[in-house]
Amino acid sequence: MPIQPGRCSGHNTRLNCLEYHRDSELNCGATDFILLLARVDEMADGKADASRVRALRGPRGKLAGIYSAAPHCAPCSPAAGEGFRAMVALPRGTSGPGPDIRPVDGEDTLLRACDKWLLALRGENIDIAADI
C-alpha cells in the first residue's frame, strides 16, 4: 500500500476534536509526545465524551500505531511550551480532497476529507498543560 509520510510538530496541548481513519496510522517522535485516544464503541451520534479520552505518552524514538477507526487527536506537546516533533505515516491520499457524496447515514456527515472523519466533543475540552 502506498503511504504518505509527513511531519507533525508544534506546541498544541488541547484536544479540540477527534478524528479517525479507515486505515491505521503510525507516529514516531523525534521528541516525546502525547496521543489523545478514545474508544470507538464509546462514540454516539458523531460525538465523543471528552472525559472518556485517555492520554498516552509516545516516547521519543518509539513507534506508536493507531488502529483504524480509533478516534484520536493529532499528537500533542507533553508540557506547555515544550513543543513536539513527530513523523506521521498514513495511506497516500489521507486528508486530501474528500469524495463528492450525498450522505446516506450519520457517519457520512462526519466525513471531512479523504479517509478522515471528524468527531465533535461533549464536555470540557482536555488541556494536557493544565493536567500536568
N, C-alpha and C. Protein backbone atom coordinates (compact mmCIF):
# COMPACT_ATOMS: atom_id res chain seq x y z
N MET A 1 0.85 -1.18 0.00
CA MET A 1 0.00 0.00 0.00
C MET A 1 0.89 1.24 0.00
N PRO A 2 0.70 2.17 -0.92
CA PRO A 2 1.48 3.40 -0.92
C PRO A 2 1.16 4.24 0.32
N ILE A 3 2.19 4.79 0.93
CA ILE A 3 1.99 5.63 2.11
C ILE A 3 2.41 7.05 1.83
N GLN A 4 2.01 7.93 2.72
CA GLN A 4 2.47 9.31 2.68
C GLN A 4 3.03 9.63 4.06
N PRO A 5 4.35 9.72 4.16
CA PRO A 5 4.93 10.15 5.43
C PRO A 5 4.84 11.67 5.53
N GLY A 6 4.70 12.14 6.72
CA GLY A 6 4.63 13.58 6.93
C GLY A 6 5.17 13.94 8.29
N ARG A 7 5.26 15.21 8.54
CA ARG A 7 5.77 15.71 9.82
C ARG A 7 4.64 16.44 10.52
N CYS A 8 4.55 16.24 11.82
CA CYS A 8 3.59 16.96 12.64
C CYS A 8 4.40 17.54 13.80
N SER A 9 4.36 18.84 13.96
CA SER A 9 5.12 19.47 15.05
C SER A 9 4.36 20.68 15.55
N GLY A 10 4.67 21.09 16.75
CA GLY A 10 4.02 22.28 17.29
C GLY A 10 4.03 22.30 18.79
N HIS A 11 3.12 23.11 19.32
CA HIS A 11 3.02 23.32 20.77
C HIS A 11 1.61 23.06 21.27
N ASN A 12 0.81 22.32 20.51
CA ASN A 12 -0.57 22.04 20.88
C ASN A 12 -0.63 21.25 22.19
N THR A 13 -1.54 21.65 23.07
CA THR A 13 -1.78 20.88 24.30
C THR A 13 -3.26 20.57 24.49
N ARG A 14 -4.12 21.00 23.55
CA ARG A 14 -5.57 20.81 23.69
C ARG A 14 -6.10 19.74 22.75
N LEU A 15 -7.18 19.13 23.16
CA LEU A 15 -7.83 18.09 22.36
C LEU A 15 -8.60 18.69 21.18
N ASN A 16 -9.51 19.59 21.44
CA ASN A 16 -10.33 20.30 20.44
C ASN A 16 -11.30 19.41 19.66
N CYS A 17 -10.88 18.29 19.10
CA CYS A 17 -11.78 17.37 18.41
C CYS A 17 -11.05 16.03 18.26
N LEU A 18 -11.76 15.07 17.75
CA LEU A 18 -11.15 13.76 17.46
C LEU A 18 -11.37 13.45 15.99
N GLU A 19 -10.50 12.65 15.44
CA GLU A 19 -10.64 12.18 14.06
C GLU A 19 -10.42 10.67 14.04
N TYR A 20 -10.85 10.05 12.95
CA TYR A 20 -10.49 8.65 12.74
C TYR A 20 -10.39 8.40 11.25
N HIS A 21 -9.72 7.31 10.92
CA HIS A 21 -9.49 6.90 9.54
C HIS A 21 -9.91 5.44 9.40
N ARG A 22 -10.06 4.98 8.21
CA ARG A 22 -10.37 3.57 7.96
C ARG A 22 -9.09 2.74 7.84
N ASP A 23 -7.96 3.40 7.89
CA ASP A 23 -6.67 2.72 7.84
C ASP A 23 -5.85 3.12 9.06
N SER A 24 -4.90 2.29 9.42
CA SER A 24 -4.06 2.57 10.59
C SER A 24 -3.10 3.73 10.31
N GLU A 25 -2.60 4.31 11.39
CA GLU A 25 -1.67 5.44 11.34
C GLU A 25 -0.47 5.11 12.20
N LEU A 26 0.70 5.55 11.78
CA LEU A 26 1.92 5.36 12.57
C LEU A 26 2.47 6.73 12.96
N ASN A 27 2.92 6.83 14.21
CA ASN A 27 3.56 8.05 14.72
C ASN A 27 4.89 7.66 15.33
N CYS A 28 5.93 8.43 15.06
CA CYS A 28 7.23 8.21 15.66
C CYS A 28 7.81 9.57 16.03
N GLY A 29 8.08 9.78 17.30
CA GLY A 29 8.51 11.09 17.77
C GLY A 29 10.00 11.32 17.69
N ALA A 30 10.38 12.49 17.20
CA ALA A 30 11.76 12.96 17.33
C ALA A 30 11.93 13.52 18.74
N THR A 31 10.79 13.81 19.39
CA THR A 31 10.74 14.22 20.80
C THR A 31 9.63 13.40 21.44
N ASP A 32 9.51 13.46 22.76
CA ASP A 32 8.35 12.85 23.41
C ASP A 32 7.10 13.58 22.92
N PHE A 33 5.97 12.87 22.89
CA PHE A 33 4.71 13.47 22.50
C PHE A 33 3.59 12.75 23.23
N ILE A 34 2.41 13.32 23.18
CA ILE A 34 1.22 12.74 23.81
C ILE A 34 0.20 12.43 22.73
N LEU A 35 -0.38 11.23 22.81
CA LEU A 35 -1.51 10.87 21.94
C LEU A 35 -2.77 10.87 22.79
N LEU A 36 -3.81 11.50 22.30
CA LEU A 36 -5.11 11.51 22.96
C LEU A 36 -6.01 10.56 22.18
N LEU A 37 -6.47 9.50 22.86
CA LEU A 37 -7.20 8.41 22.20
C LEU A 37 -8.52 8.13 22.90
N ALA A 38 -9.48 7.70 22.11
CA ALA A 38 -10.78 7.28 22.64
C ALA A 38 -11.12 5.90 22.07
N ARG A 39 -12.18 5.33 22.58
CA ARG A 39 -12.64 4.04 22.08
C ARG A 39 -13.81 4.27 21.14
N VAL A 40 -13.77 3.60 20.01
CA VAL A 40 -14.82 3.78 19.01
C VAL A 40 -16.18 3.34 19.56
N ASP A 41 -16.22 2.36 20.44
CA ASP A 41 -17.51 1.90 20.98
C ASP A 41 -18.10 2.87 22.00
N GLU A 42 -17.37 3.96 22.32
CA GLU A 42 -17.88 4.96 23.24
C GLU A 42 -18.39 6.21 22.52
N MET A 43 -18.37 6.19 21.20
CA MET A 43 -18.86 7.31 20.41
C MET A 43 -20.37 7.17 20.22
N ALA A 44 -21.06 8.30 20.19
CA ALA A 44 -22.50 8.28 19.95
C ALA A 44 -22.91 9.53 19.20
N ASP A 45 -23.69 9.37 18.16
CA ASP A 45 -24.21 10.48 17.37
C ASP A 45 -23.12 11.41 16.86
N GLY A 46 -21.97 10.86 16.49
CA GLY A 46 -20.88 11.67 15.95
C GLY A 46 -20.19 12.53 16.99
N LYS A 47 -20.36 12.17 18.26
CA LYS A 47 -19.74 12.94 19.34
C LYS A 47 -19.00 12.01 20.29
N ALA A 48 -18.01 12.58 20.96
CA ALA A 48 -17.22 11.84 21.94
C ALA A 48 -17.28 12.58 23.26
N ASP A 49 -17.38 11.84 24.34
CA ASP A 49 -17.35 12.42 25.68
C ASP A 49 -15.88 12.67 26.03
N ALA A 50 -15.52 13.92 26.19
CA ALA A 50 -14.12 14.29 26.45
C ALA A 50 -13.58 13.61 27.72
N SER A 51 -14.43 13.32 28.68
CA SER A 51 -13.95 12.69 29.92
C SER A 51 -13.53 11.24 29.70
N ARG A 52 -13.88 10.65 28.58
CA ARG A 52 -13.52 9.26 28.28
C ARG A 52 -12.23 9.16 27.46
N VAL A 53 -11.69 10.29 27.02
CA VAL A 53 -10.46 10.31 26.23
C VAL A 53 -9.27 10.10 27.15
N ARG A 54 -8.32 9.30 26.71
CA ARG A 54 -7.13 8.98 27.52
C ARG A 54 -5.88 9.50 26.84
N ALA A 55 -4.94 9.94 27.65
CA ALA A 55 -3.65 10.44 27.15
C ALA A 55 -2.59 9.36 27.34
N LEU A 56 -1.84 9.11 26.29
CA LEU A 56 -0.74 8.15 26.34
C LEU A 56 0.53 8.83 25.85
N ARG A 57 1.62 8.63 26.59
CA ARG A 57 2.90 9.22 26.19
C ARG A 57 3.55 8.38 25.09
N GLY A 58 3.99 9.07 24.05
CA GLY A 58 4.77 8.45 22.99
C GLY A 58 6.22 8.83 23.21
N PRO A 59 7.04 7.92 23.70
CA PRO A 59 8.44 8.27 23.95
C PRO A 59 9.22 8.52 22.67
N ARG A 60 10.12 9.45 22.73
CA ARG A 60 10.99 9.78 21.59
C ARG A 60 11.61 8.52 21.02
N GLY A 61 11.55 8.39 19.70
CA GLY A 61 12.18 7.27 19.01
C GLY A 61 11.37 5.99 18.98
N LYS A 62 10.23 5.95 19.64
CA LYS A 62 9.39 4.75 19.64
C LYS A 62 8.23 4.92 18.67
N LEU A 63 7.89 3.85 18.00
CA LEU A 63 6.80 3.85 17.03
C LEU A 63 5.48 3.56 17.74
N ALA A 64 4.48 4.41 17.50
CA ALA A 64 3.15 4.23 18.08
C ALA A 64 2.16 4.04 16.94
N GLY A 65 1.44 2.93 16.97
CA GLY A 65 0.43 2.66 15.95
C GLY A 65 -0.95 2.98 16.46
N ILE A 66 -1.75 3.61 15.63
CA ILE A 66 -3.15 3.89 15.94
C ILE A 66 -3.98 3.05 14.98
N TYR A 67 -4.73 2.11 15.53
CA TYR A 67 -5.52 1.22 14.70
C TYR A 67 -6.61 1.96 13.94
N SER A 68 -7.00 1.42 12.81
CA SER A 68 -8.06 2.03 12.01
C SER A 68 -9.32 2.20 12.85
N ALA A 69 -10.01 3.28 12.61
CA ALA A 69 -11.26 3.65 13.27
C ALA A 69 -11.09 4.04 14.73
N ALA A 70 -9.86 4.11 15.25
CA ALA A 70 -9.65 4.55 16.64
C ALA A 70 -9.67 6.08 16.68
N PRO A 71 -10.63 6.66 17.38
CA PRO A 71 -10.68 8.12 17.48
C PRO A 71 -9.43 8.64 18.19
N HIS A 72 -8.82 9.67 17.60
CA HIS A 72 -7.59 10.23 18.15
C HIS A 72 -7.44 11.69 17.75
N CYS A 73 -6.50 12.34 18.36
CA CYS A 73 -6.16 13.72 18.06
C CYS A 73 -4.75 13.72 17.49
N ALA A 74 -4.40 14.76 16.75
CA ALA A 74 -3.01 14.90 16.31
C ALA A 74 -2.13 14.89 17.56
N PRO A 75 -0.88 14.46 17.45
CA PRO A 75 -0.01 14.45 18.64
C PRO A 75 0.01 15.81 19.33
N CYS A 76 0.25 15.79 20.63
CA CYS A 76 0.30 16.99 21.45
C CYS A 76 1.64 17.10 22.17
N SER A 77 1.92 18.29 22.66
CA SER A 77 3.12 18.52 23.46
C SER A 77 2.97 17.86 24.82
N PRO A 78 4.05 17.28 25.35
CA PRO A 78 3.95 16.67 26.67
C PRO A 78 3.88 17.70 27.80
N ALA A 79 4.21 18.96 27.53
CA ALA A 79 4.14 20.02 28.54
C ALA A 79 4.03 21.36 27.85
N ALA A 80 3.44 22.33 28.54
CA ALA A 80 3.27 23.66 27.96
C ALA A 80 4.63 24.25 27.61
N GLY A 81 4.71 24.81 26.40
CA GLY A 81 5.93 25.47 25.97
C GLY A 81 7.02 24.55 25.47
N GLU A 82 6.88 23.25 25.67
CA GLU A 82 7.93 22.31 25.30
C GLU A 82 7.96 22.00 23.82
N GLY A 83 6.80 21.88 23.19
CA GLY A 83 6.74 21.55 21.78
C GLY A 83 7.01 20.08 21.51
N PHE A 84 6.71 19.63 20.32
CA PHE A 84 6.95 18.24 19.93
C PHE A 84 7.23 18.19 18.44
N ARG A 85 7.87 17.10 18.01
CA ARG A 85 8.10 16.83 16.59
C ARG A 85 7.89 15.34 16.39
N ALA A 86 7.07 14.99 15.41
CA ALA A 86 6.78 13.58 15.15
C ALA A 86 6.61 13.34 13.65
N MET A 87 6.95 12.13 13.24
CA MET A 87 6.66 11.66 11.89
C MET A 87 5.32 10.95 11.96
N VAL A 88 4.47 11.21 10.97
CA VAL A 88 3.16 10.56 10.89
C VAL A 88 3.07 9.91 9.51
N ALA A 89 2.70 8.64 9.47
CA ALA A 89 2.55 7.94 8.19
C ALA A 89 1.13 7.39 8.07
N LEU A 90 0.51 7.71 6.94
CA LEU A 90 -0.84 7.26 6.62
C LEU A 90 -0.87 6.80 5.17
N PRO A 91 -1.90 6.06 4.78
CA PRO A 91 -2.02 5.70 3.36
C PRO A 91 -2.06 6.97 2.50
N ARG A 92 -1.45 6.90 1.35
CA ARG A 92 -1.41 8.05 0.43
C ARG A 92 -2.83 8.52 0.13
N GLY A 93 -3.00 9.83 0.17
CA GLY A 93 -4.30 10.45 -0.12
C GLY A 93 -5.09 10.83 1.12
N THR A 94 -4.74 10.29 2.28
CA THR A 94 -5.47 10.61 3.50
C THR A 94 -5.41 12.11 3.76
N SER A 95 -6.52 12.68 4.11
CA SER A 95 -6.71 14.11 4.38
C SER A 95 -6.70 14.96 3.12
N GLY A 96 -6.65 14.31 1.96
CA GLY A 96 -6.77 15.04 0.70
C GLY A 96 -8.24 15.36 0.44
N PRO A 97 -8.54 15.84 -0.75
CA PRO A 97 -9.94 16.17 -1.06
C PRO A 97 -10.87 14.98 -0.83
N GLY A 98 -11.97 15.27 -0.19
CA GLY A 98 -12.94 14.22 0.11
C GLY A 98 -13.79 13.88 -1.10
N PRO A 99 -14.44 12.74 -1.06
CA PRO A 99 -15.30 12.34 -2.18
C PRO A 99 -16.56 13.21 -2.22
N ASP A 100 -17.08 13.41 -3.40
CA ASP A 100 -18.32 14.16 -3.58
C ASP A 100 -19.47 13.17 -3.43
N ILE A 101 -20.00 13.09 -2.21
CA ILE A 101 -21.06 12.11 -1.92
C ILE A 101 -22.28 12.81 -1.34
N ARG A 102 -23.39 12.15 -1.45
CA ARG A 102 -24.61 12.56 -0.77
C ARG A 102 -24.71 11.68 0.48
N PRO A 103 -24.71 12.29 1.68
CA PRO A 103 -24.76 11.49 2.91
C PRO A 103 -25.98 10.57 2.95
N VAL A 104 -25.72 9.31 3.31
CA VAL A 104 -26.78 8.32 3.43
C VAL A 104 -27.10 8.07 4.91
N ASP A 105 -26.07 8.13 5.76
CA ASP A 105 -26.28 7.89 7.19
C ASP A 105 -25.50 8.93 8.00
N GLY A 106 -25.60 8.83 9.32
CA GLY A 106 -24.95 9.79 10.21
C GLY A 106 -23.45 9.83 10.07
N GLU A 107 -22.84 8.67 9.83
CA GLU A 107 -21.38 8.65 9.70
C GLU A 107 -20.93 9.40 8.45
N ASP A 108 -21.71 9.33 7.39
CA ASP A 108 -21.35 10.06 6.17
C ASP A 108 -21.21 11.55 6.42
N THR A 109 -21.98 12.10 7.35
CA THR A 109 -21.92 13.54 7.63
C THR A 109 -20.63 13.92 8.35
N LEU A 110 -19.92 12.94 8.89
CA LEU A 110 -18.67 13.20 9.61
C LEU A 110 -17.45 13.21 8.70
N LEU A 111 -17.62 12.72 7.46
CA LEU A 111 -16.50 12.64 6.51
C LEU A 111 -16.13 14.05 6.06
N ARG A 112 -14.91 14.47 6.36
CA ARG A 112 -14.47 15.83 6.06
C ARG A 112 -13.37 15.90 5.01
N ALA A 113 -12.71 14.78 4.74
CA ALA A 113 -11.64 14.70 3.74
C ALA A 113 -11.48 13.24 3.39
N CYS A 114 -10.59 12.94 2.47
CA CYS A 114 -10.35 11.55 2.10
C CYS A 114 -9.87 10.76 3.31
N ASP A 115 -10.61 9.71 3.68
CA ASP A 115 -10.26 8.83 4.81
C ASP A 115 -10.12 9.60 6.13
N LYS A 116 -10.92 10.64 6.32
CA LYS A 116 -10.83 11.45 7.55
C LYS A 116 -12.23 11.83 8.02
N TRP A 117 -12.63 11.27 9.15
CA TRP A 117 -13.90 11.57 9.78
C TRP A 117 -13.62 12.37 11.05
N LEU A 118 -14.38 13.44 11.29
CA LEU A 118 -14.20 14.28 12.48
C LEU A 118 -15.36 14.12 13.44
N LEU A 119 -15.01 14.05 14.74
CA LEU A 119 -16.00 13.92 15.80
C LEU A 119 -15.97 15.17 16.69
N ALA A 120 -17.13 15.65 17.05
CA ALA A 120 -17.24 16.77 17.99
C ALA A 120 -17.08 16.22 19.41
N LEU A 121 -16.81 17.12 20.35
CA LEU A 121 -16.65 16.73 21.76
C LEU A 121 -17.82 17.19 22.59
N ARG A 122 -18.15 16.36 23.59
CA ARG A 122 -19.08 16.75 24.65
C ARG A 122 -18.26 16.91 25.91
N GLY A 123 -18.60 17.91 26.69
CA GLY A 123 -17.90 18.09 27.96
C GLY A 123 -16.74 19.06 27.83
N GLU A 124 -15.93 19.11 28.88
CA GLU A 124 -14.82 20.05 28.96
C GLU A 124 -13.66 19.60 28.08
N ASN A 125 -13.13 20.54 27.31
CA ASN A 125 -12.00 20.24 26.44
C ASN A 125 -10.77 19.91 27.28
N ILE A 126 -10.04 18.89 26.86
CA ILE A 126 -8.84 18.47 27.58
C ILE A 126 -7.69 19.40 27.22
N ASP A 127 -6.93 19.83 28.24
CA ASP A 127 -5.72 20.59 28.05
C ASP A 127 -4.61 19.89 28.83
N ILE A 128 -3.70 19.25 28.10
CA ILE A 128 -2.61 18.50 28.72
C ILE A 128 -1.80 19.38 29.66
N ALA A 129 -1.54 20.63 29.26
CA ALA A 129 -0.73 21.54 30.09
C ALA A 129 -1.39 21.80 31.43
N ALA A 130 -2.72 21.87 31.47
CA ALA A 130 -3.43 22.11 32.71
C ALA A 130 -3.46 20.88 33.60
N ASP A 131 -3.32 19.70 32.99
CA ASP A 131 -3.41 18.45 33.75
C ASP A 131 -2.06 17.95 34.26
N ILE A 132 -0.97 18.64 33.91
CA ILE A 132 0.37 18.18 34.34
C ILE A 132 0.70 18.73 35.69
